[in-house]
Structure formats: structure tokens, C-alpha cells
């Protein structure tokens, strides 16, 4: 049975689902280019240890 959580450094591209235990250090929303009222993406800086 695999461990319940995976370290960020152990992630690899072929797998699409991960279970991570992290702390969110920074969180911000990037607005859409054409309409600043609509969010385009949410960016995060994560820490796992």
C-alpha cells in the first residue's frame, strides 16, 4: 500500500491524482486579460516540509 501523502519533489507527470499535505505560503488570483472582474487562475506557493 502506498504512503498516504506524497512529497512535492516525488511527483512525476504521468500520474494525474495526488494526495498532498502542504502549507499554503502565498495565495493570489490572476485576473482575466480581457475582463479584470473574472479570475483567470489561482496561483499558490506550497511547502510540504
N, C-alpha and C. Protein backbone atom coordinates (compact mmCIF):
# COMPACT_ATOMS: atom_id res chain seq x y z
N UNK A 1 0.84 -1.18 0.00
CA UNK A 1 0.00 0.00 0.00
C UNK A 1 0.89 1.25 0.00
N UNK A 2 0.63 2.22 -0.91
CA UNK A 2 1.47 3.42 -0.96
C UNK A 2 1.25 4.31 0.26
N UNK A 3 2.23 5.14 0.60
CA UNK A 3 2.05 6.04 1.73
C UNK A 3 0.88 6.99 1.47
N UNK A 4 0.23 7.48 2.53
CA UNK A 4 -0.96 8.31 2.33
C UNK A 4 -0.68 9.66 1.66
N UNK A 5 0.52 10.21 1.85
CA UNK A 5 0.86 11.51 1.27
C UNK A 5 2.14 11.40 0.46
N UNK A 6 2.25 12.21 -0.58
CA UNK A 6 3.42 12.23 -1.46
C UNK A 6 4.11 13.58 -1.30
N UNK A 7 5.44 13.56 -1.23
CA UNK A 7 6.20 14.81 -1.18
C UNK A 7 6.14 15.47 -2.55
N UNK A 8 6.16 16.79 -2.59
CA UNK A 8 6.11 17.52 -3.85
C UNK A 8 7.27 17.11 -4.76
N UNK A 9 8.44 16.90 -4.20
CA UNK A 9 9.62 16.54 -5.01
C UNK A 9 9.50 15.15 -5.63
N UNK A 10 8.60 14.31 -5.12
CA UNK A 10 8.43 12.95 -5.64
C UNK A 10 7.33 12.85 -6.71
N UNK A 11 6.69 13.96 -7.02
CA UNK A 11 5.63 13.94 -8.04
C UNK A 11 6.25 13.76 -9.42
N UNK A 12 5.55 13.05 -10.31
CA UNK A 12 6.01 12.88 -11.69
C UNK A 12 4.82 12.99 -12.64
N UNK A 13 5.04 13.46 -13.87
CA UNK A 13 3.95 13.84 -14.78
C UNK A 13 2.91 12.77 -15.15
N UNK A 14 3.23 11.51 -15.38
CA UNK A 14 2.18 10.60 -15.87
C UNK A 14 0.98 10.46 -14.94
N UNK A 15 1.18 10.58 -13.68
CA UNK A 15 0.07 10.44 -12.73
C UNK A 15 -0.71 11.75 -12.65
N UNK A 16 -2.04 11.65 -12.58
CA UNK A 16 -2.88 12.85 -12.56
C UNK A 16 -3.49 13.16 -11.20
N UNK A 17 -3.56 12.20 -10.30
CA UNK A 17 -4.18 12.41 -8.99
C UNK A 17 -3.13 12.21 -7.90
N UNK A 18 -3.04 13.18 -7.01
CA UNK A 18 -2.06 13.13 -5.94
C UNK A 18 -2.73 13.47 -4.62
N UNK A 19 -2.18 12.93 -3.55
CA UNK A 19 -2.63 13.29 -2.21
C UNK A 19 -1.45 13.96 -1.52
N UNK A 20 -1.58 15.26 -1.27
CA UNK A 20 -0.50 16.05 -0.70
C UNK A 20 -0.94 16.65 0.63
N UNK A 21 0.03 16.80 1.50
CA UNK A 21 -0.21 17.52 2.75
C UNK A 21 0.77 18.69 2.73
N UNK A 22 0.24 19.89 2.51
CA UNK A 22 1.10 21.06 2.32
C UNK A 22 0.58 22.24 3.13
N UNK A 23 1.44 23.22 3.26
CA UNK A 23 1.06 24.51 3.83
C UNK A 23 1.07 25.51 2.67
N UNK A 24 0.03 26.32 2.59
CA UNK A 24 -0.05 27.36 1.57
C UNK A 24 0.66 28.60 2.12
N UNK A 25 1.79 28.96 1.49
CA UNK A 25 2.55 30.13 1.94
C UNK A 25 2.00 31.42 1.35
N UNK A 26 1.67 31.40 0.08
CA UNK A 26 1.10 32.57 -0.60
C UNK A 26 -0.02 32.10 -1.51
N UNK A 27 -1.06 32.92 -1.64
CA UNK A 27 -2.21 32.61 -2.48
C UNK A 27 -2.68 33.91 -3.13
N UNK A 28 -2.84 33.90 -4.46
CA UNK A 28 -3.34 35.08 -5.14
C UNK A 28 -4.11 34.67 -6.39
N UNK A 29 -5.00 35.55 -6.82
CA UNK A 29 -5.82 35.30 -8.01
C UNK A 29 -5.31 36.19 -9.14
N UNK A 30 -5.15 35.59 -10.32
CA UNK A 30 -4.72 36.32 -11.51
C UNK A 30 -5.97 36.65 -12.32
N UNK A 31 -6.25 37.93 -12.57
CA UNK A 31 -7.46 38.28 -13.31
C UNK A 31 -7.34 37.93 -14.79
N UNK A 32 -8.47 37.77 -15.44
CA UNK A 32 -8.52 37.52 -16.87
C UNK A 32 -7.99 38.73 -17.62
N UNK A 33 -7.37 38.51 -18.77
CA UNK A 33 -6.78 39.61 -19.55
C UNK A 33 -7.84 40.59 -20.05
N UNK A 34 -8.94 40.07 -20.57
CA UNK A 34 -9.98 40.93 -21.14
C UNK A 34 -10.93 41.53 -20.12
N UNK A 35 -11.17 40.82 -19.01
CA UNK A 35 -12.14 41.27 -18.01
C UNK A 35 -11.52 41.08 -16.63
N UNK A 36 -11.12 42.15 -16.00
CA UNK A 36 -10.44 42.06 -14.71
C UNK A 36 -11.36 41.63 -13.57
N UNK A 37 -12.66 41.60 -13.81
CA UNK A 37 -13.62 41.13 -12.80
C UNK A 37 -13.64 39.61 -12.70
N UNK A 38 -13.24 38.93 -13.78
CA UNK A 38 -13.31 37.47 -13.85
C UNK A 38 -11.92 36.89 -13.56
N UNK A 39 -11.80 35.98 -12.60
CA UNK A 39 -10.49 35.37 -12.34
C UNK A 39 -10.08 34.41 -13.45
N UNK A 40 -8.81 34.43 -13.80
CA UNK A 40 -8.26 33.54 -14.81
C UNK A 40 -7.67 32.29 -14.16
N UNK A 41 -6.94 32.49 -13.07
CA UNK A 41 -6.34 31.36 -12.36
C UNK A 41 -6.07 31.75 -10.91
N UNK A 42 -5.83 30.73 -10.10
CA UNK A 42 -5.43 30.93 -8.71
C UNK A 42 -4.03 30.35 -8.57
N UNK A 43 -3.10 31.15 -8.14
CA UNK A 43 -1.70 30.75 -8.01
C UNK A 43 -1.39 30.52 -6.53
N UNK A 44 -0.53 29.51 -6.26
CA UNK A 44 -0.17 29.19 -4.88
C UNK A 44 1.31 28.86 -4.78
N UNK A 45 1.90 29.20 -3.66
CA UNK A 45 3.23 28.73 -3.30
C UNK A 45 3.02 27.76 -2.14
N UNK A 46 3.47 26.51 -2.33
CA UNK A 46 3.22 25.44 -1.37
C UNK A 46 4.51 25.00 -0.69
N UNK A 47 4.39 24.51 0.53
CA UNK A 47 5.51 23.97 1.30
C UNK A 47 5.07 22.65 1.90
N UNK A 48 5.88 21.59 1.69
CA UNK A 48 5.48 20.29 2.23
C UNK A 48 6.31 19.85 3.43
N UNK A 49 7.39 20.49 3.74
CA UNK A 49 8.17 20.17 4.93
C UNK A 49 8.62 21.43 5.61
